[in-house]
Protein backbone atom coordinates (compact mmCIF):
# COMPACT_ATOMS: atom_id res chain seq x y z
CA MET A 1 203.41 -60.55 -1.13
CA SER A 2 204.76 -64.09 -0.88
CA ASP A 3 201.86 -65.40 -2.96
CA LYS A 4 202.68 -62.94 -5.75
CA TRP A 5 206.33 -64.01 -5.72
CA THR A 6 205.26 -67.65 -5.80
CA ARG A 7 203.20 -67.05 -8.94
CA VAL A 8 206.07 -65.24 -10.64
CA GLY A 9 208.40 -68.08 -9.67
CA MET A 10 206.00 -70.67 -11.05
CA VAL A 11 205.76 -68.93 -14.41
CA TRP A 12 209.51 -68.46 -14.67
CA ALA A 13 210.17 -72.09 -13.64
CA ALA A 14 207.70 -73.27 -16.28
CA ALA A 15 209.47 -71.09 -18.85
CA ALA A 16 212.84 -72.54 -17.82
CA VAL A 17 211.48 -76.06 -18.36
CA VAL A 18 209.99 -75.15 -21.75
CA PHE A 19 213.26 -73.58 -22.93
CA ALA A 20 215.34 -76.47 -21.56
CA LEU A 21 213.19 -78.96 -23.45
CA GLN A 22 213.41 -76.73 -26.49
CA PHE A 23 217.20 -76.65 -26.48
CA ARG A 24 218.09 -79.94 -24.78
CA GLY A 25 215.07 -82.21 -24.96
CA ALA A 26 213.31 -84.07 -27.74
CA VAL A 27 212.38 -81.56 -30.45
CA PHE A 28 209.84 -82.65 -33.06
CA HIS A 29 209.93 -79.27 -34.83
CA PHE A 30 211.83 -76.42 -33.20
CA TRP A 31 209.60 -73.56 -34.39
CA ILE A 32 206.24 -75.25 -33.89
CA GLN A 33 207.37 -76.44 -30.48
CA MET A 34 208.51 -72.91 -29.59
CA ALA A 35 205.15 -71.45 -30.66
CA LEU A 36 203.25 -74.05 -28.63
CA GLY A 37 205.48 -73.54 -25.60
CA ILE A 38 205.11 -69.76 -25.61
CA SER A 39 201.34 -70.09 -26.03
CA VAL A 40 201.07 -72.46 -23.07
CA LEU A 41 203.19 -70.14 -20.92
CA CYS A 42 200.98 -67.16 -21.79
CA VAL A 43 197.88 -69.14 -20.81
CA LEU A 44 199.54 -70.19 -17.53
CA ALA A 45 200.45 -66.60 -16.72
CA TYR A 46 196.88 -65.50 -17.39
CA LEU A 47 195.39 -68.26 -15.23
CA LEU A 48 197.67 -67.39 -12.33
CA ASP A 49 197.36 -63.62 -12.60
CA PRO A 50 194.55 -62.60 -14.97
CA GLN A 51 194.47 -59.05 -13.64
CA VAL A 52 198.13 -58.41 -14.47
CA LEU A 53 197.75 -59.36 -18.12
CA THR A 54 194.42 -57.57 -18.35
CA GLN A 55 196.15 -54.39 -17.14
CA ALA A 56 198.91 -54.92 -19.68
CA PHE A 57 196.40 -55.06 -22.52
CA THR A 58 194.46 -52.00 -21.36
CA SER A 59 197.54 -49.96 -22.27
CA LEU A 60 197.37 -50.99 -25.93
CA PRO A 61 197.87 -47.78 -27.91
CA ARG A 62 194.91 -45.92 -29.31
CA GLU A 63 197.11 -44.59 -32.09
CA VAL A 64 197.87 -47.96 -33.66
CA ALA A 65 199.53 -46.52 -36.76
CA ARG A 66 201.89 -44.37 -34.67
CA ARG A 67 202.84 -47.24 -32.37
CA THR A 68 203.29 -49.56 -35.34
CA ALA A 69 205.70 -47.09 -36.92
CA ALA A 70 207.57 -46.80 -33.63
CA GLY A 71 207.77 -50.60 -33.42
CA ILE A 72 209.18 -50.81 -36.95
CA ALA A 73 211.78 -48.15 -36.11
CA ALA A 74 212.67 -49.94 -32.87
CA ALA A 75 213.19 -53.20 -34.76
CA GLY A 76 215.49 -51.38 -37.18
CA VAL A 77 217.57 -49.88 -34.37
CA LEU A 78 217.97 -53.26 -32.70
CA TYR A 79 219.02 -54.83 -35.99
CA LEU A 80 221.70 -52.15 -36.40
CA ILE A 81 222.92 -52.86 -32.88
CA PHE A 82 223.36 -56.52 -33.81
CA TYR A 83 224.95 -55.62 -37.13
CA VAL A 84 227.61 -53.60 -35.35
CA GLY A 85 227.92 -56.28 -32.69
CA SER A 86 228.62 -58.91 -35.33
CA ALA A 87 231.57 -56.88 -36.58
CA ALA A 88 232.92 -56.61 -33.04
CA ALA A 89 232.46 -60.33 -32.52
CA ARG A 90 234.39 -61.04 -35.72
CA SER A 91 237.39 -59.26 -34.24
CA LEU A 92 237.16 -60.28 -30.60
CA LEU A 93 235.61 -63.75 -30.40
CA PRO A 94 237.16 -66.55 -32.45
CA ALA A 95 234.38 -68.93 -31.43
CA ALA A 96 231.62 -66.56 -32.53
CA PRO A 97 231.09 -67.90 -36.08
CA GLY A 98 230.46 -71.41 -34.81
CA GLN A 99 228.07 -70.23 -32.12
CA ILE A 100 226.10 -68.10 -34.58
CA SER A 101 225.97 -71.01 -37.01
CA GLN A 102 224.37 -73.10 -34.25
CA VAL A 103 221.58 -70.53 -33.98
CA TYR A 104 220.94 -70.41 -37.72
CA ASP A 105 221.07 -74.20 -37.94
CA LEU A 106 217.73 -74.17 -36.08
CA LYS A 107 215.99 -73.18 -39.33
CA ALA A 108 217.69 -75.87 -41.42
CA GLY A 109 215.16 -78.02 -43.25
CA ALA A 110 212.17 -76.00 -42.01
CA ASN A 111 209.77 -74.16 -44.28
CA ARG A 112 210.74 -70.47 -44.33
CA TRP A 113 207.15 -69.32 -44.72
CA LEU A 114 206.06 -71.37 -41.71
CA ILE A 115 208.89 -69.95 -39.62
CA GLY A 116 207.96 -66.42 -40.72
CA VAL A 117 204.29 -66.82 -39.84
CA LEU A 118 205.08 -68.33 -36.44
CA LEU A 119 207.56 -65.56 -35.64
CA LEU A 120 205.18 -62.79 -36.71
CA VAL A 121 201.93 -64.12 -35.28
CA VAL A 122 202.83 -66.27 -32.27
CA ILE A 123 206.43 -66.29 -31.07
CA GLY A 124 207.36 -62.59 -31.22
CA PRO A 125 204.09 -61.19 -29.79
CA GLY A 126 203.75 -64.13 -27.38
CA GLU A 127 207.18 -63.56 -25.87
CA GLU A 128 206.32 -59.90 -25.28
CA ILE A 129 203.05 -60.84 -23.60
CA LEU A 130 204.87 -63.33 -21.37
CA TRP A 131 208.14 -61.57 -20.54
CA ARG A 132 207.14 -57.93 -20.58
CA GLY A 133 203.35 -57.89 -20.23
CA TYR A 134 203.34 -60.43 -17.40
CA LEU A 135 206.75 -61.02 -15.84
CA GLN A 136 208.22 -57.52 -16.05
CA ARG A 137 204.94 -55.88 -15.08
CA ARG A 138 204.62 -58.15 -12.06
CA LEU A 139 208.27 -57.72 -11.01
CA VAL A 140 208.06 -53.94 -11.32
CA GLY A 141 204.94 -54.05 -9.17
CA LEU A 142 206.85 -56.02 -6.55
CA THR A 143 210.24 -54.30 -6.59
CA GLY A 144 209.88 -51.03 -8.47
CA ARG A 145 212.45 -50.25 -11.18
CA TRP A 146 214.56 -53.21 -10.10
CA GLY A 147 211.87 -55.33 -11.71
CA VAL A 148 213.10 -54.24 -15.14
CA ALA A 149 216.58 -55.63 -14.47
CA LEU A 150 215.18 -58.76 -12.85
CA GLY A 151 213.01 -59.38 -15.89
CA VAL A 152 216.01 -59.06 -18.21
CA ALA A 153 218.01 -61.48 -16.05
CA ALA A 154 215.13 -63.96 -16.05
CA TYR A 155 214.86 -63.76 -19.83
CA GLY A 156 218.57 -64.30 -20.31
CA ALA A 157 218.73 -67.13 -17.79
CA VAL A 158 216.29 -69.41 -19.62
CA HIS A 159 218.59 -69.28 -22.67
CA ILE A 160 221.49 -70.80 -20.71
CA ALA A 161 220.07 -74.23 -21.52
CA SER A 162 221.14 -73.65 -25.14
CA GLY A 163 224.77 -74.05 -24.09
CA ASN A 164 225.57 -71.18 -26.47
CA PRO A 165 227.19 -68.19 -24.70
CA LEU A 166 226.63 -65.90 -27.67
CA LEU A 167 222.92 -66.73 -27.72
CA VAL A 168 222.67 -65.95 -24.00
CA ALA A 169 224.44 -62.63 -24.59
CA ALA A 170 222.11 -61.86 -27.48
CA ALA A 171 219.10 -62.68 -25.29
CA LEU A 172 220.35 -60.27 -22.63
CA VAL A 173 220.83 -57.50 -25.20
CA CYS A 174 217.39 -58.08 -26.72
CA GLY A 175 215.78 -58.52 -23.33
CA GLY A 176 217.30 -55.30 -22.06
CA TYR A 177 216.27 -53.40 -25.18
CA TRP A 178 212.65 -54.56 -25.12
CA ALA A 179 212.45 -54.19 -21.35
CA LEU A 180 213.45 -50.53 -21.54
CA LEU A 181 211.13 -50.01 -24.49
CA TYR A 182 208.21 -51.44 -22.53
CA HIS A 183 209.14 -49.55 -19.37
CA ARG A 184 209.20 -46.30 -21.34
CA TYR A 185 206.09 -46.68 -23.50
CA ASP A 186 204.02 -49.35 -21.68
CA SER A 187 202.80 -50.70 -25.02
CA LEU A 188 202.61 -54.39 -25.84
CA TRP A 189 201.64 -53.43 -29.37
CA LEU A 190 204.84 -51.46 -29.94
CA ASN A 191 206.96 -54.18 -28.32
CA GLY A 192 205.22 -56.96 -30.21
CA VAL A 193 205.77 -55.25 -33.57
CA SER A 194 209.42 -54.64 -32.75
CA HIS A 195 210.05 -58.20 -31.54
CA ALA A 196 208.22 -59.91 -34.39
CA LEU A 197 209.84 -57.85 -37.16
CA TRP A 198 213.32 -58.14 -35.65
CA ASP A 199 212.90 -61.92 -35.42
CA VAL A 200 211.95 -62.17 -39.09
CA ALA A 201 214.73 -59.81 -40.18
CA ILE A 202 217.50 -61.50 -38.20
CA PHE A 203 216.46 -65.09 -38.94
CA LEU A 204 215.04 -64.95 -42.45
CA ILE A 205 215.54 -61.74 -44.41
CA TRP A 206 218.98 -60.41 -43.47
CA PRO A 207 220.69 -63.03 -41.31
CA LEU A 208 223.99 -61.95 -39.82
CA THR A 209 227.04 -64.01 -40.68
CA ILE A 210 230.50 -63.31 -39.33
CA SER A 211 232.53 -66.04 -40.99
């Protein structure tokens, strides 16, 4: 038992370092660095617990078209949640516009097509493999349903390094949404489609502004 917790702790600690460097360290290119960091973390998780990730991938849906459609719908629902949330933030949080601008400033000067490809192919799916396929699956195996909440907390915590309270809140909302989605359907394919498409929609196609 302790060895399993140690492995989970090592992966989360590595993720915390990667995200801290991403938000606070030297960044040569935010999106490329994020893609590389997520890829390295996925490899680390596999090396420490290959069976856990293997089990996660065995549940890939046989009905790919159906799960893809569900992932698209799930991305749309999450976008609507954020759309409504932006209106609430406009009324309740005077500092919200500045904090959201900080998030969108991350794409300033970067090639939109490159960002889109990285979000669709590496970052969105990779985060689901890491946070849901590995961390949540392992935590649920160790603690039962509490593992879902622990996984959400772990996902939100690594975003604290951004120094942006609204981004941390957004990470908790997204993390909770995808955690419940994965807990219900046990499908990395569905989650990966939802995460990747939501990323592209919120960052590139229909960014939310509350100025």
